[in-house]
């Protein structure tokens, strides 16, 4: 079921019904979300990336993000990295990642 968050409406898109972006992957490659992290589908350069954890979000922030500066970006990097050390929960990190995506005007939706 597609869910759209109202306060994020300007940048959160509702894409047409189609196969999930990871439909071409084998079952062993299909992403699984961690507890307390809602799976997100992020579009970058016409490629869909499924983000199911803060670790995956951190990877996207560090390798495939349009900017490497700004308060929202720094907060997201710190929050997502903090899940590895246990100082931040997955649930606490996700809003920071969402804020960074909105700040960078990255299209995303909840899977």
PDB file of N, CA and C in Angstrom:
ATOM      1  N   UNK A   1       0.847  -1.167   0.000  1.00  0.00           N
ATOM      2  CA  UNK A   1       0.000   0.000   0.000  1.00  0.00           C
ATOM      3  C   UNK A   1       0.896   1.235   0.000  1.00  0.00           C
ATOM      4  N   UNK A   2       0.620   2.159  -0.911  1.00  0.00           N
ATOM      5  CA  UNK A   2       1.383   3.397  -0.957  1.00  0.00           C
ATOM      6  C   UNK A   2       0.866   4.351   0.104  1.00  0.00           C
ATOM      7  N   UNK A   3       1.791   4.982   0.810  1.00  0.00           N
ATOM      8  CA  UNK A   3       1.420   5.990   1.792  1.00  0.00           C
ATOM      9  C   UNK A   3       2.162   7.260   1.461  1.00  0.00           C
ATOM     10  N   UNK A   4       1.464   8.373   1.549  1.00  0.00           N
ATOM     11  CA  UNK A   4       2.107   9.655   1.303  1.00  0.00           C
ATOM     12  C   UNK A   4       1.966  10.492   2.558  1.00  0.00           C
ATOM     13  N   UNK A   5       3.036  11.098   2.970  1.00  0.00           N
ATOM     14  CA  UNK A   5       3.034  11.923   4.171  1.00  0.00           C
ATOM     15  C   UNK A   5       2.675  13.337   3.755  1.00  0.00           C
ATOM     16  N   UNK A   6       1.575  13.857   4.281  1.00  0.00           N
ATOM     17  CA  UNK A   6       1.052  15.147   3.861  1.00  0.00           C
ATOM     18  C   UNK A   6       2.014  16.311   4.000  1.00  0.00           C
ATOM     19  N   UNK A   7       2.747  16.401   5.097  1.00  0.00           N
ATOM     20  CA  UNK A   7       3.619  17.551   5.274  1.00  0.00           C
ATOM     21  C   UNK A   7       4.785  17.549   4.302  1.00  0.00           C
ATOM     22  N   UNK A   8       5.057  16.386   3.689  1.00  0.00           N
ATOM     23  CA  UNK A   8       6.152  16.298   2.733  1.00  0.00           C
ATOM     24  C   UNK A   8       5.656  16.419   1.298  1.00  0.00           C
ATOM     25  N   UNK A   9       4.382  16.754   1.099  1.00  0.00           N
ATOM     26  CA  UNK A   9       3.755  16.722  -0.214  1.00  0.00           C
ATOM     27  C   UNK A   9       4.528  17.362  -1.353  1.00  0.00           C
ATOM     28  N   UNK A  10       5.191  18.512  -1.191  1.00  0.00           N
ATOM     29  CA  UNK A  10       5.851  19.099  -2.354  1.00  0.00           C
ATOM     30  C   UNK A  10       6.916  18.211  -2.974  1.00  0.00           C
ATOM     31  N   UNK A  11       7.554  17.351  -2.203  1.00  0.00           N
ATOM     32  CA  UNK A  11       8.660  16.574  -2.741  1.00  0.00           C
ATOM     33  C   UNK A  11       8.442  15.073  -2.693  1.00  0.00           C
ATOM     34  N   UNK A  12       7.404  14.623  -2.024  1.00  0.00           N
ATOM     35  CA  UNK A  12       7.123  13.199  -1.970  1.00  0.00           C
ATOM     36  C   UNK A  12       6.143  12.899  -3.082  1.00  0.00           C
ATOM     37  N   UNK A  13       6.515  12.000  -3.951  1.00  0.00           N
ATOM     38  CA  UNK A  13       5.690  11.709  -5.111  1.00  0.00           C
ATOM     39  C   UNK A  13       4.931  10.409  -4.927  1.00  0.00           C
ATOM     40  N   UNK A  14       3.795  10.351  -5.569  1.00  0.00           N
ATOM     41  CA  UNK A  14       3.035   9.113  -5.643  1.00  0.00           C
ATOM     42  C   UNK A  14       3.231   8.606  -7.060  1.00  0.00           C
ATOM     43  N   UNK A  15       3.972   7.512  -7.201  1.00  0.00           N
ATOM     44  CA  UNK A  15       4.275   6.985  -8.523  1.00  0.00           C
ATOM     45  C   UNK A  15       3.194   6.018  -8.960  1.00  0.00           C
ATOM     46  N   UNK A  16       3.023   5.840 -10.254  1.00  0.00           N
ATOM     47  CA  UNK A  16       1.990   4.919 -10.738  1.00  0.00           C
ATOM     48  C   UNK A  16       2.245   3.498 -10.250  1.00  0.00           C
ATOM     49  N   UNK A  17       1.154   2.752 -10.161  1.00  0.00           N
ATOM     50  CA  UNK A  17       1.277   1.354  -9.748  1.00  0.00           C
ATOM     51  C   UNK A  17       2.088   0.600 -10.799  1.00  0.00           C
ATOM     52  N   UNK A  18       3.087  -0.128 -10.361  1.00  0.00           N
ATOM     53  CA  UNK A  18       3.916  -0.928 -11.251  1.00  0.00           C
ATOM     54  C   UNK A  18       4.673  -1.930 -10.399  1.00  0.00           C
ATOM     55  N   UNK A  19       5.484  -2.734 -11.047  1.00  0.00           N
ATOM     56  CA  UNK A  19       6.305  -3.667 -10.285  1.00  0.00           C
ATOM     57  C   UNK A  19       7.198  -2.873  -9.351  1.00  0.00           C
ATOM     58  N   UNK A  20       7.477  -3.386  -8.165  1.00  0.00           N
ATOM     59  CA  UNK A  20       8.388  -2.667  -7.275  1.00  0.00           C
ATOM     60  C   UNK A  20       9.748  -2.509  -7.927  1.00  0.00           C
ATOM     61  N   UNK A  21      10.461  -1.461  -7.574  1.00  0.00           N
ATOM     62  CA  UNK A  21      11.756  -1.212  -8.187  1.00  0.00           C
ATOM     63  C   UNK A  21      12.746  -2.353  -8.025  1.00  0.00           C
ATOM     64  N   UNK A  22      12.549  -3.193  -7.023  1.00  0.00           N
ATOM     65  CA  UNK A  22      13.474  -4.294  -6.792  1.00  0.00           C
ATOM     66  C   UNK A  22      12.944  -5.610  -7.340  1.00  0.00           C
ATOM     67  N   UNK A  23      11.911  -5.554  -8.206  1.00  0.00           N
ATOM     68  CA  UNK A  23      11.300  -6.770  -8.730  1.00  0.00           C
ATOM     69  C   UNK A  23      12.281  -7.607  -9.548  1.00  0.00           C
ATOM     70  N   UNK A  24      13.286  -6.971 -10.130  1.00  0.00           N
ATOM     71  CA  UNK A  24      14.265  -7.684 -10.936  1.00  0.00           C
ATOM     72  C   UNK A  24      15.306  -8.424 -10.090  1.00  0.00           C
ATOM     73  N   UNK A  25      15.318  -8.209  -8.799  1.00  0.00           N
ATOM     74  CA  UNK A  25      16.302  -8.856  -7.928  1.00  0.00           C
ATOM     75  C   UNK A  25      15.835 -10.248  -7.538  1.00  0.00           C
ATOM     76  N   UNK A  26      16.782 -11.086  -7.200  1.00  0.00           N
ATOM     77  CA  UNK A  26      16.408 -12.398  -6.686  1.00  0.00           C
ATOM     78  C   UNK A  26      15.899 -12.228  -5.259  1.00  0.00           C
ATOM     79  N   UNK A  27      15.272 -13.254  -4.750  1.00  0.00           N
ATOM     80  CA  UNK A  27      14.711 -13.163  -3.396  1.00  0.00           C
ATOM     81  C   UNK A  27      15.777 -12.859  -2.357  1.00  0.00           C
ATOM     82  N   UNK A  28      16.986 -13.385  -2.554  1.00  0.00           N
ATOM     83  CA  UNK A  28      18.050 -13.142  -1.581  1.00  0.00           C
ATOM     84  C   UNK A  28      18.542 -11.693  -1.623  1.00  0.00           C
ATOM     85  N   UNK A  29      18.280 -10.989  -2.724  1.00  0.00           N
ATOM     86  CA  UNK A  29      18.709  -9.606  -2.855  1.00  0.00           C
ATOM     87  C   UNK A  29      17.624  -8.606  -2.478  1.00  0.00           C
ATOM     88  N   UNK A  30      16.386  -9.074  -2.313  1.00  0.00           N
ATOM     89  CA  UNK A  30      15.294  -8.170  -1.989  1.00  0.00           C
ATOM     90  C   UNK A  30      15.538  -7.555  -0.619  1.00  0.00           C
ATOM     91  N   UNK A  31      15.512  -6.216  -0.529  1.00  0.00           N
ATOM     92  CA  UNK A  31      15.820  -5.574   0.746  1.00  0.00           C
ATOM     93  C   UNK A  31      14.788  -5.889   1.817  1.00  0.00           C
ATOM     94  N   UNK A  32      15.255  -5.979   3.020  1.00  0.00           N
ATOM     95  CA  UNK A  32      14.404  -6.205   4.172  1.00  0.00           C
ATOM     96  C   UNK A  32      14.646  -5.058   5.124  1.00  0.00           C
ATOM     97  N   UNK A  33      13.572  -4.455   5.587  1.00  0.00           N
ATOM     98  CA  UNK A  33      13.763  -3.331   6.482  1.00  0.00           C
ATOM     99  C   UNK A  33      14.052  -3.816   7.894  1.00  0.00           C
ATOM    100  N   UNK A  34      14.721  -2.965   8.631  1.00  0.00           N
ATOM    101  CA  UNK A  34      14.971  -3.260  10.031  1.00  0.00           C
ATOM    102  C   UNK A  34      13.770  -2.772  10.828  1.00  0.00           C
ATOM    103  N   UNK A  35      13.597  -3.258  12.036  1.00  0.00           N
ATOM    104  CA  UNK A  35      12.495  -2.776  12.865  1.00  0.00           C
ATOM    105  C   UNK A  35      12.587  -1.260  13.039  1.00  0.00           C
ATOM    106  N   UNK A  36      11.459  -0.622  13.066  1.00  0.00           N
ATOM    107  CA  UNK A  36      11.359   0.820  13.296  1.00  0.00           C
ATOM    108  C   UNK A  36      11.837   1.669  12.119  1.00  0.00           C
ATOM    109  N   UNK A  37      12.026   1.090  10.940  1.00  0.00           N
ATOM    110  CA  UNK A  37      12.398   1.875   9.750  1.00  0.00           C
ATOM    111  C   UNK A  37      11.397   1.527   8.665  1.00  0.00           C
ATOM    112  N   UNK A  38      10.633   2.518   8.201  1.00  0.00           N
ATOM    113  CA  UNK A  38       9.704   2.301   7.106  1.00  0.00           C
ATOM    114  C   UNK A  38      10.501   2.297   5.805  1.00  0.00           C
ATOM    115  N   UNK A  39      10.283   1.300   4.979  1.00  0.00           N
ATOM    116  CA  UNK A  39      11.030   1.173   3.731  1.00  0.00           C
ATOM    117  C   UNK A  39      10.699   2.351   2.816  1.00  0.00           C
ATOM    118  N   UNK A  40      11.749   2.936   2.268  1.00  0.00           N
ATOM    119  CA  UNK A  40      11.610   4.067   1.357  1.00  0.00           C
ATOM    120  C   UNK A  40      12.137   3.689  -0.017  1.00  0.00           C
ATOM    121  N   UNK A  41      11.548   4.261  -1.034  1.00  0.00           N
ATOM    122  CA  UNK A  41      12.073   4.136  -2.383  1.00  0.00           C
ATOM    123  C   UNK A  41      12.519   5.526  -2.786  1.00  0.00           C
ATOM    124  N   UNK A  42      13.794   5.667  -3.090  1.00  0.00           N
ATOM    125  CA  UNK A  42      14.389   6.955  -3.427  1.00  0.00           C
ATOM    126  C   UNK A  42      14.810   6.916  -4.891  1.00  0.00           C
ATOM    127  N   UNK A  43      14.467   7.961  -5.630  1.00  0.00           N
ATOM    128  CA  UNK A  43      14.877   8.017  -7.031  1.00  0.00           C
ATOM    129  C   UNK A  43      16.047   8.969  -7.194  1.00  0.00           C
ATOM    130  N   UNK A  44      17.127   8.464  -7.797  1.00  0.00           N
ATOM    131  CA  UNK A  44      18.316   9.281  -8.109  1.00  0.00           C
ATOM    132  C   UNK A  44      18.730   8.949  -9.521  1.00  0.00           C
ATOM    133  N   UNK A  45      18.791   9.930 -10.377  1.00  0.00           N
ATOM    134  CA  UNK A  45      19.217   9.754 -11.762  1.00  0.00           C
ATOM    135  C   UNK A  45      18.407   8.667 -12.470  1.00  0.00           C
ATOM    136  N   UNK A  46      17.086   8.696 -12.249  1.00  0.00           N
ATOM    137  CA  UNK A  46      16.154   7.759 -12.881  1.00  0.00           C
ATOM    138  C   UNK A  46      16.388   6.312 -12.461  1.00  0.00           C
ATOM    139  N   UNK A  47      17.030   6.105 -11.337  1.00  0.00           N
ATOM    140  CA  UNK A  47      17.240   4.776 -10.776  1.00  0.00           C
ATOM    141  C   UNK A  47      16.581   4.756  -9.401  1.00  0.00           C
ATOM    142  N   UNK A  48      15.853   3.698  -9.116  1.00  0.00           N
ATOM    143  CA  UNK A  48      15.182   3.570  -7.836  1.00  0.00           C
ATOM    144  C   UNK A  48      16.072   2.806  -6.862  1.00  0.00           C
ATOM    145  N   UNK A  49      16.197   3.340  -5.654  1.00  0.00           N
ATOM    146  CA  UNK A  49      16.986   2.716  -4.586  1.00  0.00           C
ATOM    147  C   UNK A  49      16.043   2.437  -3.425  1.00  0.00           C
ATOM    148  N   UNK A  50      16.058   1.218  -2.937  1.00  0.00           N
ATOM    149  CA  UNK A  50      15.218   0.850  -1.803  1.00  0.00           C
ATOM    150  C   UNK A  50      16.052   0.990  -0.546  1.00  0.00           C
ATOM    151  N   UNK A  51      15.584   1.812   0.363  1.00  0.00           N
ATOM    152  CA  UNK A  51      16.294   2.084   1.611  1.00  0.00           C
ATOM    153  C   UNK A  51      15.488   1.461   2.746  1.00  0.00           C
ATOM    154  N   UNK A  52      16.052   0.407   3.346  1.00  0.00           N
ATOM    155  CA  UNK A  52      15.337  -0.315   4.392  1.00  0.00           C
ATOM    156  C   UNK A  52      15.952  -0.196   5.767  1.00  0.00           C
ATOM    157  N   UNK A  53      16.997   0.622   5.892  1.00  0.00           N
ATOM    158  CA  UNK A  53      17.638   0.777   7.200  1.00  0.00           C
ATOM    159  C   UNK A  53      18.486   2.045   7.202  1.00  0.00           C
ATOM    160  N   UNK A  54      18.897   2.444   8.377  1.00  0.00           N
ATOM    161  CA  UNK A  54      19.769   3.613   8.499  1.00  0.00           C
ATOM    162  C   UNK A  54      21.117   3.341   7.846  1.00  0.00           C
ATOM    163  N   UNK A  55      21.570   2.105   7.885  1.00  0.00           N
ATOM    164  CA  UNK A  55      22.847   1.757   7.256  1.00  0.00           C
ATOM    165  C   UNK A  55      22.776   1.973   5.748  1.00  0.00           C
ATOM    166  N   UNK A  56      21.660   1.565   5.125  1.00  0.00           N
ATOM    167  CA  UNK A  56      21.472   1.790   3.691  1.00  0.00           C
ATOM    168  C   UNK A  56      21.325   3.272   3.388  1.00  0.00           C
ATOM    169  N   UNK A  57      20.661   3.992   4.287  1.00  0.00           N
ATOM    170  CA  UNK A  57      20.530   5.437   4.116  1.00  0.00           C
ATOM    171  C   UNK A  57      21.891   6.118   4.191  1.00  0.00           C
ATOM    172  N   UNK A  58      22.722   5.681   5.127  1.00  0.00           N
ATOM    173  CA  UNK A  58      24.070   6.238   5.269  1.00  0.00           C
ATOM    174  C   UNK A  58      24.889   5.983   4.006  1.00  0.00           C
ATOM    175  N   UNK A  59      24.757   4.794   3.455  1.00  0.00           N
ATOM    176  CA  UNK A  59      25.471   4.476   2.223  1.00  0.00           C
ATOM    177  C   UNK A  59      25.028   5.409   1.093  1.00  0.00           C
ATOM    178  N   UNK A  60      23.737   5.638   0.986  1.00  0.00           N
ATOM    179  CA  UNK A  60      23.238   6.532  -0.059  1.00  0.00           C
ATOM    180  C   UNK A  60      23.713   7.963   0.185  1.00  0.00           C
ATOM    181  N   UNK A  61      23.682   8.410   1.435  1.00  0.00           N
ATOM    182  CA  UNK A  61      24.143   9.767   1.757  1.00  0.00           C
ATOM    183  C   UNK A  61      25.616   9.950   1.390  1.00  0.00           C
ATOM    184  N   UNK A  62      26.413   8.914   1.602  1.00  0.00           N
ATOM    185  CA  UNK A  62      27.846   9.076   1.366  1.00  0.00           C
ATOM    186  C   UNK A  62      28.281   8.780  -0.060  1.00  0.00           C
ATOM    187  N   UNK A  63      27.463   8.085  -0.831  1.00  0.00           N
ATOM    188  CA  UNK A  63      27.901   7.740  -2.185  1.00  0.00           C
ATOM    189  C   UNK A  63      27.040   8.308  -3.305  1.00  0.00           C
ATOM    190  N   UNK A  64      25.793   8.642  -3.030  1.00  0.00           N
ATOM    191  CA  UNK A  64      24.880   9.008  -4.111  1.00  0.00           C
ATOM    192  C   UNK A  64      23.966  10.160  -3.706  1.00  0.00           C
ATOM    193  N   UNK A  65      24.545  11.203  -3.159  1.00  0.00           N
ATOM    194  CA  UNK A  65      23.762  12.340  -2.669  1.00  0.00           C
ATOM    195  C   UNK A  65      24.192  13.590  -3.432  1.00  0.00           C
ATOM    196  N   UNK A  66      23.268  14.469  -3.762  1.00  0.00           N
ATOM    197  CA  UNK A  66      23.626  15.632  -4.584  1.00  0.00           C
ATOM    198  C   UNK A  66      24.447  16.693  -3.864  1.00  0.00           C
ATOM    199  N   UNK A  67      24.508  16.618  -2.559  1.00  0.00           N
ATOM    200  CA  UNK A  67      25.276  17.609  -1.801  1.00  0.00           C
ATOM    201  C   UNK A  67      25.998  16.923  -0.655  1.00  0.00           C
ATOM    202  N   UNK A  68      27.080  17.496  -0.227  1.00  0.00           N
ATOM    203  CA  UNK A  68      27.818  16.947   0.922  1.00  0.00           C
ATOM    204  C   UNK A  68      27.930  18.002   2.009  1.00  0.00           C
ATOM    205  N   UNK A  69      26.955  18.885   2.056  1.00  0.00           N
ATOM    206  CA  UNK A  69      26.971  19.931   3.071  1.00  0.00           C
ATOM    207  C   UNK A  69      25.535  20.298   3.428  1.00  0.00           C
ATOM    208  N   UNK A  70      25.424  21.171   4.391  1.00  0.00           N
ATOM    209  CA  UNK A  70      24.115  21.622   4.847  1.00  0.00           C
ATOM    210  C   UNK A  70      23.729  20.944   6.146  1.00  0.00           C
ATOM    211  N   UNK A  71      22.954  21.659   6.926  1.00  0.00           N
ATOM    212  CA  UNK A  71      22.579  21.171   8.263  1.00  0.00           C
ATOM    213  C   UNK A  71      21.799  19.861   8.193  1.00  0.00           C
ATOM    214  N   UNK A  72      20.837  19.759   7.284  1.00  0.00           N
ATOM    215  CA  UNK A  72      20.018  18.545   7.198  1.00  0.00           C
ATOM    216  C   UNK A  72      20.873  17.344   6.799  1.00  0.00           C
ATOM    217  N   UNK A  73      21.801  17.544   5.860  1.00  0.00           N
ATOM    218  CA  UNK A  73      22.686  16.472   5.423  1.00  0.00           C
ATOM    219  C   UNK A  73      23.569  16.001   6.581  1.00  0.00           C
ATOM    220  N   UNK A  74      24.164  16.932   7.300  1.00  0.00           N
ATOM    221  CA  UNK A  74      25.052  16.590   8.419  1.00  0.00           C
ATOM    222  C   UNK A  74      24.278  15.857   9.510  1.00  0.00           C
ATOM    223  N   UNK A  75      23.083  16.346   9.844  1.00  0.00           N
ATOM    224  CA  UNK A  75      22.264  15.674  10.867  1.00  0.00           C
ATOM    225  C   UNK A  75      21.921  14.256  10.439  1.00  0.00           C
ATOM    226  N   UNK A  76      21.586  14.066   9.160  1.00  0.00           N
ATOM    227  CA  UNK A  76      21.239  12.727   8.671  1.00  0.00           C
ATOM    228  C   UNK A  76      22.448  11.801   8.727  1.00  0.00           C
ATOM    229  N   UNK A  77      23.600  12.296   8.321  1.00  0.00           N
ATOM    230  CA  UNK A  77      24.817  11.483   8.383  1.00  0.00           C
ATOM    231  C   UNK A  77      25.109  11.066   9.823  1.00  0.00           C
ATOM    232  N   UNK A  78      25.029  12.012  10.747  1.00  0.00           N
ATOM    233  CA  UNK A  78      25.307  11.715  12.155  1.00  0.00           C
ATOM    234  C   UNK A  78      24.290  10.735  12.731  1.00  0.00           C
ATOM    235  N   UNK A  79      23.012  10.950  12.415  1.00  0.00           N
ATOM    236  CA  UNK A  79      21.964  10.086  12.953  1.00  0.00           C
ATOM    237  C   UNK A  79      22.089   8.668  12.400  1.00  0.00           C
ATOM    238  N   UNK A  80      22.285   8.548  11.098  1.00  0.00           N
ATOM    239  CA  UNK A  80      22.398   7.216  10.492  1.00  0.00           C
ATOM    240  C   UNK A  80      23.662   6.499  10.966  1.00  0.00           C
ATOM    241  N   UNK A  81      24.754   7.212  11.103  1.00  0.00           N
ATOM    242  CA  UNK A  81      25.989   6.615  11.627  1.00  0.00           C
ATOM    243  C   UNK A  81      25.809   6.222  13.091  1.00  0.00           C
ATOM    244  N   UNK A  82      25.027   6.975  13.817  1.00  0.00           N
ATOM    245  CA  UNK A  82      24.789   6.696  15.232  1.00  0.00           C
ATOM    246  C   UNK A  82      24.069   5.385  15.474  1.00  0.00           C
ATOM    247  N   UNK A  83      23.359   4.870  14.463  1.00  0.00           N
ATOM    248  CA  UNK A  83      22.685   3.585  14.654  1.00  0.00           C
ATOM    249  C   UNK A  83      23.691   2.443  14.751  1.00  0.00           C
ATOM    250  N   UNK A  84      24.846   2.604  14.109  1.00  0.00           N
ATOM    251  CA  UNK A  84      25.880   1.560  14.161  1.00  0.00           C
ATOM    252  C   UNK A  84      26.489   1.445  15.552  1.00  0.00           C
ATOM    253  N   UNK A  85      26.562   2.556  16.265  1.00  0.00           N
ATOM    254  CA  UNK A  85      27.144   2.545  17.607  1.00  0.00           C
ATOM    255  C   UNK A  85      26.089   2.375  18.696  1.00  0.00           C
ATOM    256  N   UNK A  86      24.828   2.456  18.298  1.00  0.00           N
ATOM    257  CA  UNK A  86      23.750   2.294  19.260  1.00  0.00           C
ATOM    258  C   UNK A  86      23.347   3.571  19.973  1.00  0.00           C
ATOM    259  N   UNK A  87      23.933   4.701  19.570  1.00  0.00           N
ATOM    260  CA  UNK A  87      23.567   5.970  20.221  1.00  0.00           C
ATOM    261  C   UNK A  87      22.280   6.558  19.646  1.00  0.00           C
ATOM    262  N   UNK A  88      21.863   6.061  18.476  1.00  0.00           N
ATOM    263  CA  UNK A  88      20.637   6.518  17.819  1.00  0.00           C
ATOM    264  C   UNK A  88      19.878   5.281  17.361  1.00  0.00           C
ATOM    265  N   UNK A  89      18.557   5.294  17.499  1.00  0.00           N
ATOM    266  CA  UNK A  89      17.754   4.165  17.020  1.00  0.00           C
ATOM    267  C   UNK A  89      17.395   4.379  15.549  1.00  0.00           C
ATOM    268  N   UNK A  90      16.979   3.305  14.898  1.00  0.00           N
ATOM    269  CA  UNK A  90      16.510   3.390  13.508  1.00  0.00           C
ATOM    270  C   UNK A  90      15.358   4.393  13.417  1.00  0.00           C
ATOM    271  N   UNK A  91      14.454   4.298  14.380  1.00  0.00           N
ATOM    272  CA  UNK A  91      13.277   5.174  14.400  1.00  0.00           C
ATOM    273  C   UNK A  91      13.675   6.648  14.529  1.00  0.00           C
ATOM    274  N   UNK A  92      14.715   6.932  15.272  1.00  0.00           N
ATOM    275  CA  UNK A  92      15.186   8.315  15.426  1.00  0.00           C
ATOM    276  C   UNK A  92      15.938   8.800  14.188  1.00  0.00           C
ATOM    277  N   UNK A  93      16.600   7.892  13.480  1.00  0.00           N
ATOM    278  CA  UNK A  93      17.407   8.283  12.323  1.00  0.00           C
ATOM    279  C   UNK A  93      16.565   8.589  11.093  1.00  0.00           C
ATOM    280  N   UNK A  94      15.457   7.913  10.935  1.00  0.00           N
ATOM    281  CA  UNK A  94      14.683   8.073   9.700  1.00  0.00           C
ATOM    282  C   UNK A  94      14.191   9.497   9.455  1.00  0.00           C
ATOM    283  N   UNK A  95      13.671  10.207  10.443  1.00  0.00           N
ATOM    284  CA  UNK A  95      13.247  11.590  10.169  1.00  0.00           C
ATOM    285  C   UNK A  95      14.398  12.481   9.700  1.00  0.00           C
ATOM    286  N   UNK A  96      15.591  12.229  10.190  1.00  0.00           N
ATOM    287  CA  UNK A  96      16.750  13.005   9.739  1.00  0.00           C
ATOM    288  C   UNK A  96      17.045  12.724   8.275  1.00  0.00           C
ATOM    289  N   UNK A  97      16.950  11.454   7.881  1.00  0.00           N
ATOM    290  CA  UNK A  97      17.159  11.109   6.483  1.00  0.00           C
ATOM    291  C   UNK A  97      16.086  11.740   5.605  1.00  0.00           C
ATOM    292  N   UNK A  98      14.837  11.693   6.048  1.00  0.00           N
ATOM    293  CA  UNK A  98      13.739  12.316   5.300  1.00  0.00           C
ATOM    294  C   UNK A  98      13.961  13.816   5.146  1.00  0.00           C
ATOM    295  N   UNK A  99      14.389  14.464   6.208  1.00  0.00           N
ATOM    296  CA  UNK A  99      14.649  15.911   6.148  1.00  0.00           C
ATOM    297  C   UNK A  99      15.767  16.224   5.160  1.00  0.00           C
ATOM    298  N   UNK A 100      16.807  15.397   5.144  1.00  0.00           N
ATOM    299  CA  UNK A 100      17.913  15.606   4.200  1.00  0.00           C
ATOM    300  C   UNK A 100      17.433  15.407   2.767  1.00  0.00           C
ATOM    301  N   UNK A 101      16.586  14.417   2.553  1.00  0.00           N
ATOM    302  CA  UNK A 101      16.049  14.175   1.210  1.00  0.00           C
ATOM    303  C   UNK A 101      15.182  15.344   0.755  1.00  0.00           C
ATOM    304  N   UNK A 102      14.366  15.842   1.636  1.00  0.00           N
ATOM    305  CA  UNK A 102      13.528  16.996   1.291  1.00  0.00           C
ATOM    306  C   UNK A 102      14.382  18.228   1.014  1.00  0.00           C
ATOM    307  N   UNK A 103      15.403  18.427   1.829  1.00  0.00           N
ATOM    308  CA  UNK A 103      16.296  19.559   1.653  1.00  0.00           C
ATOM    309  C   UNK A 103      17.019  19.487   0.301  1.00  0.00           C
ATOM    310  N   UNK A 104      17.368  18.276  -0.110  1.00  0.00           N
ATOM    311  CA  UNK A 104      18.074  18.078  -1.379  1.00  0.00           C
ATOM    312  C   UNK A 104      17.110  17.916  -2.562  1.00  0.00           C
ATOM    313  N   UNK A 105      15.811  17.988  -2.272  1.00  0.00           N
ATOM    314  CA  UNK A 105      14.773  17.855  -3.301  1.00  0.00           C
ATOM    315  C   UNK A 105      14.848  16.514  -4.039  1.00  0.00           C
ATOM    316  N   UNK A 106      15.047  15.475  -3.270  1.00  0.00           N
ATOM    317  CA  UNK A 106      15.118  14.117  -3.813  1.00  0.00           C
ATOM    318  C   UNK A 106      13.730  13.491  -3.756  1.00  0.00           C
ATOM    319  N   UNK A 107      13.293  12.921  -4.861  1.00  0.00           N
ATOM    320  CA  UNK A 107      11.993  12.258  -4.917  1.00  0.00           C
ATOM    321  C   UNK A 107      12.056  10.965  -4.126  1.00  0.00           C
ATOM    322  N   UNK A 108      11.040  10.745  -3.302  1.00  0.00           N
ATOM    323  CA  UNK A 108      10.972   9.514  -2.531  1.00  0.00           C
ATOM    324  C   UNK A 108       9.534   9.174  -2.233  1.00  0.00           C
ATOM    325  N   UNK A 109       9.329   7.927  -1.872  1.00  0.00           N
ATOM    326  CA  UNK A 109       8.004   7.479  -1.427  1.00  0.00           C
ATOM    327  C   UNK A 109       8.201   6.335  -0.453  1.00  0.00           C
ATOM    328  N   UNK A 110       7.173   6.078   0.332  1.00  0.00           N
ATOM    329  CA  UNK A 110       7.202   4.918   1.221  1.00  0.00           C
ATOM    330  C   UNK A 110       6.776   3.714   0.411  1.00  0.00           C
ATOM    331  N   UNK A 111       7.454   2.605   0.596  1.00  0.00           N
ATOM    332  CA  UNK A 111       7.142   1.380  -0.154  1.00  0.00           C
ATOM    333  C   UNK A 111       5.978   0.668   0.496  1.00  0.00           C
TER     334      UNK A 111
END
